[in-house]
Every structure is written in C-alpha cells, then in structure tokens.
Protein backbone atom coordinates (compact mmCIF):
# COMPACT_ATOMS: atom_id res chain seq x y z
CA UNK A 1 121.24 114.86 81.25
CA UNK A 2 123.24 116.65 83.93
CA UNK A 3 120.05 118.29 85.21
CA UNK A 4 118.45 114.87 85.60
CA UNK A 5 121.41 113.52 87.58
CA UNK A 6 121.45 116.63 89.76
CA UNK A 7 117.75 116.23 90.51
CA UNK A 8 118.24 112.53 91.33
CA UNK A 9 121.05 113.37 93.76
CA UNK A 10 118.92 116.06 95.38
CA UNK A 11 115.89 113.75 95.67
CA UNK A 12 117.94 111.06 97.44
CA UNK A 13 117.47 113.02 100.65
CA UNK A 14 113.68 113.02 100.29
CA UNK A 15 111.09 110.26 100.22
CA UNK A 16 110.03 111.17 96.66
CA UNK A 17 112.62 109.03 94.84
CA UNK A 18 111.39 105.51 94.06
CA UNK A 19 114.18 103.00 93.42
CA UNK A 20 113.46 99.76 91.60
CA UNK A 21 111.48 98.29 88.76
CA UNK A 22 108.64 96.67 90.72
CA UNK A 23 107.93 99.73 92.84
CA UNK A 24 108.10 102.04 89.81
CA UNK A 25 105.69 99.94 87.73
CA UNK A 26 103.30 99.64 90.68
CA UNK A 27 103.24 103.42 91.10
CA UNK A 28 102.92 103.92 87.33
CA UNK A 29 99.81 101.73 87.24
CA UNK A 30 98.32 103.90 89.98
CA UNK A 31 99.30 107.11 88.13
CA UNK A 32 101.33 108.43 91.07
CA UNK A 33 104.61 109.29 89.30
CA UNK A 34 105.98 112.55 88.02
CA UNK A 35 108.87 111.15 85.92
CA UNK A 36 110.59 107.82 85.19
CA UNK A 37 114.33 107.28 84.57
CA UNK A 38 115.88 104.27 82.80
CA UNK A 39 119.51 103.18 82.96
CA UNK A 40 121.26 102.75 79.62
CA UNK A 41 121.31 98.95 79.92
CA UNK A 42 117.76 98.45 81.23
CA UNK A 43 116.21 95.24 79.84
CA UNK A 44 114.05 95.87 76.77
CA UNK A 45 111.00 93.95 78.02
CA UNK A 46 111.04 95.75 81.37
CA UNK A 47 111.53 99.08 79.66
CA UNK A 48 108.67 98.51 77.21
CA UNK A 49 106.30 97.54 80.06
CA UNK A 50 107.16 100.70 81.99
CA UNK A 51 106.90 102.86 78.85
CA UNK A 52 103.44 101.43 78.18
CA UNK A 53 102.17 102.30 81.67
CA UNK A 54 103.89 105.70 81.48
CA UNK A 55 102.08 106.47 78.23
CA UNK A 56 98.74 105.58 79.85
CA UNK A 57 99.32 108.00 82.71
CA UNK A 58 101.10 110.69 80.60
CA UNK A 59 104.28 110.32 82.66
CA UNK A 60 107.51 111.57 81.02
CA UNK A 61 110.27 109.00 80.50
CA UNK A 62 114.00 109.82 80.53
CA UNK A 63 116.71 107.52 79.15
CA UNK A 64 119.92 108.17 81.07
CA UNK A 65 123.43 107.72 79.68
CA UNK A 66 124.56 105.90 82.84
CA UNK A 67 124.45 102.13 83.14
CA UNK A 68 122.74 100.41 86.07
CA UNK A 69 125.92 99.93 88.13
CA UNK A 70 126.80 103.63 87.76
CA UNK A 71 123.26 104.58 88.74
CA UNK A 72 123.57 102.44 91.86
CA UNK A 73 126.79 104.25 92.78
CA UNK A 74 125.19 107.66 92.17
CA UNK A 75 122.34 106.69 94.51
CA UNK A 76 124.86 105.35 97.07
CA UNK A 77 123.43 101.84 96.90
CA UNK A 78 125.51 98.61 96.82
CA UNK A 79 123.44 97.19 93.94
CA UNK A 80 122.54 97.98 90.34
CA UNK A 81 119.55 100.20 89.63
CA UNK A 82 117.95 100.04 86.20
CA UNK A 83 114.85 102.13 86.93
CA UNK A 84 114.14 105.16 89.12
CA UNK A 85 111.13 107.39 89.40
CA UNK A 86 109.92 110.54 91.11
CA UNK A 87 106.67 110.39 93.05
CA UNK A 88 104.10 113.14 92.56
CA UNK A 89 103.62 115.54 95.42
CA UNK A 90 100.17 115.40 96.94
CA UNK A 91 98.40 118.75 96.93
C-alpha cells in the first residue's frame, strides 16, 4: 500500500495521473490505463462499473486503505477523490 501511495505522489507531477471517476471510466473503455486505484469508501455501483471495464482491458485494480477525503489531501486537491488511475505511456 505504501508503494502505491508513493507512486501516486510521484505521478502528481506528471500528466499520467488521471483524477476522477468519469475520466477514469472513459479511459478504461478505450483501454488506455495502466492501473486503477479506488478509495476505501468508493460507491459500490461506481466501483463495480470500473472493475467491469478494467477486467475487459486487463487493467489491474488496487483498493486503497485511504478514504476519499484523505486521497484528495494526498493529491493536494480541495475535494474528495474516490478514483484515480495511471495512463499508459505511448511507445
């Protein structure tokens, strides 16, 4: 879990970190994500939708121990974040 948080903090400085449910699901449908992170209190219906699309594109899913308000603070945002993702690097 600490490795995941460290990678999230490091990716904040790049354009690879996708913040938000709608943007994450849109990228999942296109198969453009490397990994998806869920906050501990992410809504079950939202989580199941994202897990479904992640399974279709073979994208790993990580359930974090932090709640959405803590995740917002970690990402230095003034709002709650229930879903984050890492965009694949284009080769």
